[in-house]
Amino acid sequence: RARQLCAVVPVASWRMHVLVLLLVAQQSHRVASAAALRSTTQEGEIVHGRALRDTRVIPCDKHRTRHCCGDGLCDGPETISSCFADCPGVTTSSQCMEEPHSDTGGVAVVFGIDHRKASAQECCDACVEHAQTHPERACNSWVFCPLAVCWGLDTGWNHTFGECWLKRQHDVSHPLYGQRGVYSEEYRHKHRLVRTGPPTHVPWTGGVIGGSVDRSLQWTTGPEGMRSSRGDELTNWRAWEAPGSYEKRCKKNRNCHRAKS
């Protein structure tokens, strides 16, 4: 009987040890899940106009146009969390001609859904490499998703971090764009029921290699077009539309560029 008792005690102790390990694992999982939920919630609040408050970040106004949120530079204490208007900012080399908060148009030569890169620079580099290996249909336009989810109007697909779309523009001196800069209130209201609804600014970043970019301009995307702070107007390029649809919509503008590669 003494031997039986000694055999029971270690088993009970082992069971208690396993139970403790399970409880610790469950608690760790809860903490990790809560952290992930906070991160996702914060990013959702950021892009939907409820940026996290940071007293060090000062919004730009008519009296302050530099070193403030809205000057187009992601610097100082500014982060995606506190100033989505300026951040993440330009993160690529000058060759990439990056314009933050922009979605360049053109015919896709590599689809981004299954073409992922770790950064905007890597996406740009992929475009350059594609141009070298596919000169007959060379990439000269790239678009990268730098957020956990990048909202888009095209389909029910949730575009996610790392998507790198490689495209070809017919004329890099007059490039096509799907969206640029900040979304107008009219645009956000019109598409408010499309998945989570549009954020405050275009979540994508991209560039047209061989073209030019003026980052001092501020763009606004509306339901049927884009307008710059200088008065330039562009018609939204929508890759999923039937052939000829873009041309019909842009007849009202004088910048109806060719869409074919």
Protein backbone atom coordinates (compact mmCIF):
# COMPACT_ATOMS: atom_id res chain seq x y z
CA ARG A 1 0.00 0.00 0.00
CA ALA A 2 2.89 2.35 0.72
CA ARG A 3 4.28 1.72 -2.79
CA GLN A 4 0.82 2.41 -4.28
CA LEU A 5 0.59 5.72 -2.40
CA CYS A 6 4.04 6.78 -3.59
CA ALA A 7 2.98 6.01 -7.17
CA VAL A 8 -0.19 8.11 -6.87
CA VAL A 9 1.51 11.22 -5.47
CA PRO A 10 3.92 11.77 -8.43
CA VAL A 11 1.07 11.31 -10.92
CA ALA A 12 -1.08 13.87 -9.13
CA SER A 13 1.86 16.25 -8.97
CA TRP A 14 2.52 15.78 -12.70
CA ARG A 15 -1.14 16.48 -13.52
CA MET A 16 -1.05 19.67 -11.46
CA HIS A 17 2.14 20.77 -13.27
CA VAL A 18 0.48 20.24 -16.66
CA LEU A 19 -2.59 22.17 -15.53
CA VAL A 20 -0.44 25.11 -14.46
CA LEU A 21 1.37 25.11 -17.80
CA LEU A 22 -1.97 25.12 -19.65
CA LEU A 23 -3.23 28.06 -17.59
CA VAL A 24 -0.04 30.02 -18.28
CA ALA A 25 -0.29 29.29 -22.01
CA GLN A 26 -3.92 30.41 -22.10
CA GLN A 27 -3.06 33.64 -20.31
CA SER A 28 -0.17 34.34 -22.72
CA HIS A 29 -2.49 33.75 -25.66
CA ARG A 30 -5.03 36.20 -24.22
CA VAL A 31 -2.34 38.86 -23.78
CA ALA A 32 -1.04 38.36 -27.32
CA SER A 33 -4.56 38.46 -28.77
CA ALA A 34 -5.36 41.62 -26.85
CA ALA A 35 -2.17 43.27 -28.11
CA ALA A 36 -2.99 42.31 -31.70
CA LEU A 37 -6.53 43.60 -31.27
CA ARG A 38 -5.24 46.91 -29.90
CA SER A 39 -2.84 47.24 -32.81
CA THR A 40 -5.56 46.51 -35.38
CA THR A 41 -8.03 48.82 -33.64
CA GLN A 42 -5.48 51.63 -33.46
CA GLU A 43 -4.69 51.34 -37.16
CA GLY A 44 -8.41 51.34 -37.97
CA GLU A 45 -8.87 54.47 -35.90
CA ILE A 46 -5.88 56.11 -37.57
CA VAL A 47 -6.99 55.68 -41.15
CA HIS A 48 -10.61 56.48 -40.38
CA GLY A 49 -9.90 59.90 -38.99
CA ARG A 50 -9.57 59.10 -35.31
CA ALA A 51 -5.81 59.38 -34.98
CA LEU A 52 -4.33 58.65 -31.60
CA ARG A 53 -3.73 61.85 -29.66
CA ASP A 54 -0.13 62.92 -29.22
CA THR A 55 0.34 66.34 -27.67
CA ARG A 56 3.77 66.64 -29.32
CA VAL A 57 2.19 66.58 -32.80
CA ILE A 58 0.79 69.96 -33.83
CA PRO A 59 -1.67 70.18 -36.76
CA CYS A 60 -0.88 72.64 -39.53
CA ASP A 61 -3.03 75.75 -39.91
CA LYS A 62 -2.81 79.16 -41.59
CA HIS A 63 -0.35 80.33 -38.94
CA ARG A 64 1.84 77.22 -38.92
CA THR A 65 2.75 75.48 -42.16
CA ARG A 66 6.05 73.78 -41.31
CA HIS A 67 7.04 71.19 -38.73
CA CYS A 68 3.40 70.26 -38.22
CA CYS A 69 0.99 67.47 -39.18
CA GLY A 70 -0.09 68.23 -42.71
CA ASP A 71 3.13 69.68 -44.12
CA GLY A 72 3.80 66.53 -46.15
CA LEU A 73 6.84 65.45 -44.15
CA CYS A 74 6.83 62.59 -41.67
CA ASP A 75 9.34 63.89 -39.15
CA GLY A 76 9.83 64.66 -35.49
CA PRO A 77 7.38 62.84 -33.23
CA GLU A 78 5.00 62.11 -36.14
CA THR A 79 4.04 58.50 -36.82
CA ILE A 80 1.28 56.72 -38.72
CA SER A 81 -0.53 56.61 -35.38
CA SER A 82 -0.41 60.35 -34.73
CA CYS A 83 -0.25 61.87 -38.23
CA PHE A 84 -1.53 59.64 -41.03
CA ALA A 85 -1.60 62.66 -43.36
CA ASP A 86 2.22 62.80 -43.41
CA CYS A 87 3.30 59.27 -42.51
CA PRO A 88 4.85 56.91 -43.41
CA GLY A 89 6.17 59.45 -45.92
CA VAL A 90 8.75 58.84 -48.64
CA THR A 91 10.78 55.72 -47.85
CA THR A 92 12.36 55.00 -51.25
CA SER A 93 15.24 56.25 -53.39
CA SER A 94 14.79 59.17 -55.79
CA GLN A 95 14.61 56.81 -58.78
CA CYS A 96 11.27 55.45 -57.51
CA MET A 97 9.50 58.84 -57.75
CA GLU A 98 7.40 57.88 -54.75
CA GLU A 99 4.25 59.85 -53.96
CA PRO A 100 2.80 58.83 -50.58
CA HIS A 101 -0.97 58.38 -50.46
CA SER A 102 -1.22 57.61 -54.16
CA ASP A 103 -2.45 54.72 -56.29
CA THR A 104 -0.86 54.89 -59.73
CA GLY A 105 -2.77 53.53 -62.69
CA GLY A 106 -1.78 51.67 -65.80
CA VAL A 107 -2.06 48.12 -67.08
CA ALA A 108 -0.96 45.54 -64.49
CA VAL A 109 1.98 43.43 -65.62
CA VAL A 110 2.36 41.70 -62.23
CA PHE A 111 -0.66 41.32 -59.91
CA GLY A 112 0.02 42.29 -56.33
CA ILE A 113 -2.37 39.87 -54.65
CA ASP A 114 0.25 37.12 -54.76
CA HIS A 115 3.29 39.35 -55.30
CA ARG A 116 4.48 40.52 -51.89
CA LYS A 117 7.38 42.68 -50.80
CA ALA A 118 8.61 43.78 -47.38
CA SER A 119 8.86 47.48 -48.20
CA ALA A 120 8.07 50.16 -50.77
CA GLN A 121 11.72 50.18 -51.80
CA GLU A 122 11.64 46.46 -52.53
CA CYS A 123 8.49 46.97 -54.59
CA CYS A 124 10.14 49.73 -56.59
CA ASP A 125 13.23 47.57 -57.08
CA ALA A 126 10.99 44.78 -58.41
CA CYS A 127 9.57 47.20 -60.99
CA VAL A 128 13.07 48.18 -62.12
CA GLU A 129 14.10 44.52 -62.38
CA HIS A 130 10.93 43.66 -64.31
CA ALA A 131 11.70 46.41 -66.82
CA GLN A 132 15.15 44.90 -67.39
CA THR A 133 13.87 41.36 -67.91
CA HIS A 134 10.64 42.23 -69.80
CA PRO A 135 11.53 45.10 -72.13
CA GLU A 136 8.59 44.36 -74.41
CA ARG A 137 6.14 45.25 -71.62
CA ALA A 138 8.34 46.89 -69.04
CA CYS A 139 7.09 47.99 -65.65
CA ASN A 140 7.32 51.74 -65.07
CA SER A 141 4.68 52.19 -62.36
CA TRP A 142 4.45 50.53 -58.95
CA VAL A 143 2.01 50.55 -56.02
CA PHE A 144 2.67 49.19 -52.53
CA CYS A 145 0.41 48.55 -49.52
CA PRO A 146 2.28 49.72 -46.36
CA LEU A 147 -0.56 49.08 -43.88
CA ALA A 148 -2.15 45.96 -42.42
CA VAL A 149 -5.13 46.59 -44.73
CA CYS A 150 -5.24 49.02 -47.66
CA TRP A 151 -8.79 50.02 -48.56
CA GLY A 152 -9.76 49.88 -52.21
CA LEU A 153 -12.92 50.33 -54.25
CA ASP A 154 -12.17 47.67 -56.85
CA THR A 155 -13.51 44.35 -55.47
CA GLY A 156 -14.41 42.55 -52.27
CA TRP A 157 -10.75 41.62 -51.87
CA ASN A 158 -9.13 43.00 -48.74
CA HIS A 159 -5.76 44.29 -49.91
CA THR A 160 -3.16 43.65 -47.21
CA PHE A 161 0.37 44.56 -46.24
CA GLY A 162 3.09 43.83 -48.76
CA GLU A 163 0.99 43.78 -51.92
CA CYS A 164 3.21 45.08 -54.70
CA TRP A 165 1.48 45.86 -57.98
CA LEU A 166 3.68 46.38 -61.03
CA LYS A 167 2.09 48.32 -63.88
CA ARG A 168 2.85 49.92 -67.21
CA GLN A 169 1.86 53.47 -68.03
CA HIS A 170 1.62 54.50 -71.68
CA ASP A 171 2.98 57.99 -71.06
CA VAL A 172 5.02 58.59 -67.88
CA SER A 173 4.90 62.34 -68.48
CA HIS A 174 1.09 62.20 -68.15
CA PRO A 175 0.48 59.25 -65.81
CA LEU A 176 -2.86 57.78 -64.82
CA TYR A 177 -3.95 57.61 -61.19
CA GLY A 178 -6.78 55.82 -59.45
CA GLN A 179 -6.66 57.96 -56.33
CA ARG A 180 -4.37 60.52 -54.71
CA GLY A 181 -4.05 62.39 -51.46
CA VAL A 182 -7.03 62.88 -49.18
CA TYR A 183 -10.53 61.53 -49.84
CA SER A 184 -13.25 64.18 -50.05
CA GLU A 185 -16.18 64.01 -47.66
CA GLU A 186 -18.45 63.34 -50.65
CA TYR A 187 -16.30 60.39 -51.70
CA ARG A 188 -16.21 58.94 -48.18
CA HIS A 189 -19.96 59.28 -47.79
CA LYS A 190 -20.71 57.72 -51.17
CA HIS A 191 -18.57 54.66 -50.47
CA ARG A 192 -19.13 54.43 -46.70
CA LEU A 193 -20.71 50.95 -47.02
CA VAL A 194 -17.89 49.46 -49.11
CA ARG A 195 -16.27 47.16 -46.56
CA THR A 196 -15.05 49.45 -43.74
CA GLY A 197 -15.52 52.62 -45.79
CA PRO A 198 -12.73 54.84 -47.14
CA PRO A 199 -10.10 56.14 -44.71
CA THR A 200 -9.16 59.81 -44.53
CA HIS A 201 -6.27 59.44 -46.99
CA VAL A 202 -5.35 57.03 -49.77
CA PRO A 203 -3.60 54.19 -47.89
CA TRP A 204 -1.36 53.16 -50.81
CA THR A 205 2.00 54.56 -51.88
CA GLY A 206 3.44 54.39 -55.36
CA GLY A 207 5.47 56.02 -58.08
CA VAL A 208 5.99 56.39 -61.81
CA ILE A 209 9.60 55.65 -62.74
CA GLY A 210 10.89 57.99 -65.39
CA GLY A 211 8.23 60.56 -64.63
CA SER A 212 8.24 63.43 -62.17
CA VAL A 213 6.56 64.13 -58.87
CA ASP A 214 5.73 67.41 -57.13
CA ARG A 215 5.17 66.56 -53.48
CA SER A 216 4.36 70.16 -52.64
CA LEU A 217 0.96 69.69 -54.29
CA GLN A 218 -1.94 68.47 -52.19
CA TRP A 219 -4.44 66.20 -53.95
CA THR A 220 -8.07 65.46 -53.16
CA THR A 221 -9.89 62.43 -54.56
CA GLY A 222 -13.60 62.83 -55.27
CA PRO A 223 -16.21 60.45 -56.74
CA GLU A 224 -15.23 61.12 -60.35
CA GLY A 225 -11.82 62.71 -60.25
CA MET A 226 -8.86 64.22 -58.46
CA ARG A 227 -7.96 67.85 -58.02
CA SER A 228 -4.68 69.37 -56.86
CA SER A 229 -4.11 72.45 -54.74
CA ARG A 230 -2.86 74.10 -57.94
CA GLY A 231 -6.08 73.39 -59.81
CA ASP A 232 -4.94 70.39 -61.89
CA GLU A 233 -7.68 67.85 -62.57
CA LEU A 234 -7.47 64.14 -63.31
CA THR A 235 -10.07 61.48 -63.96
CA ASN A 236 -10.00 58.35 -61.79
CA TRP A 237 -8.41 55.40 -63.58
CA ARG A 238 -10.29 52.18 -62.70
CA ALA A 239 -8.56 49.04 -63.91
CA TRP A 240 -11.66 46.86 -63.46
CA GLU A 241 -13.88 48.91 -65.78
CA ALA A 242 -14.88 47.75 -69.26
CA PRO A 243 -12.75 49.07 -72.15
CA GLY A 244 -13.79 52.57 -73.13
CA SER A 245 -15.32 53.47 -69.75
CA TYR A 246 -12.39 55.63 -68.71
CA GLU A 247 -12.43 57.50 -72.01
CA LYS A 248 -16.14 58.22 -71.66
CA ARG A 249 -15.72 59.60 -68.16
CA CYS A 250 -12.69 61.72 -68.91
CA LYS A 251 -14.14 63.52 -71.94
CA LYS A 252 -15.17 66.25 -69.55
CA ASN A 253 -11.50 66.86 -68.78
CA ARG A 254 -8.71 67.91 -71.08
CA ASN A 255 -6.27 65.33 -69.77
CA CYS A 256 -7.79 62.18 -71.22
CA HIS A 257 -4.61 60.15 -71.68
CA ARG A 258 -4.30 56.85 -73.48
CA ALA A 259 -4.76 53.90 -71.17
CA LYS A 260 -3.42 51.09 -73.35
CA SER A 261 0.12 49.79 -72.96
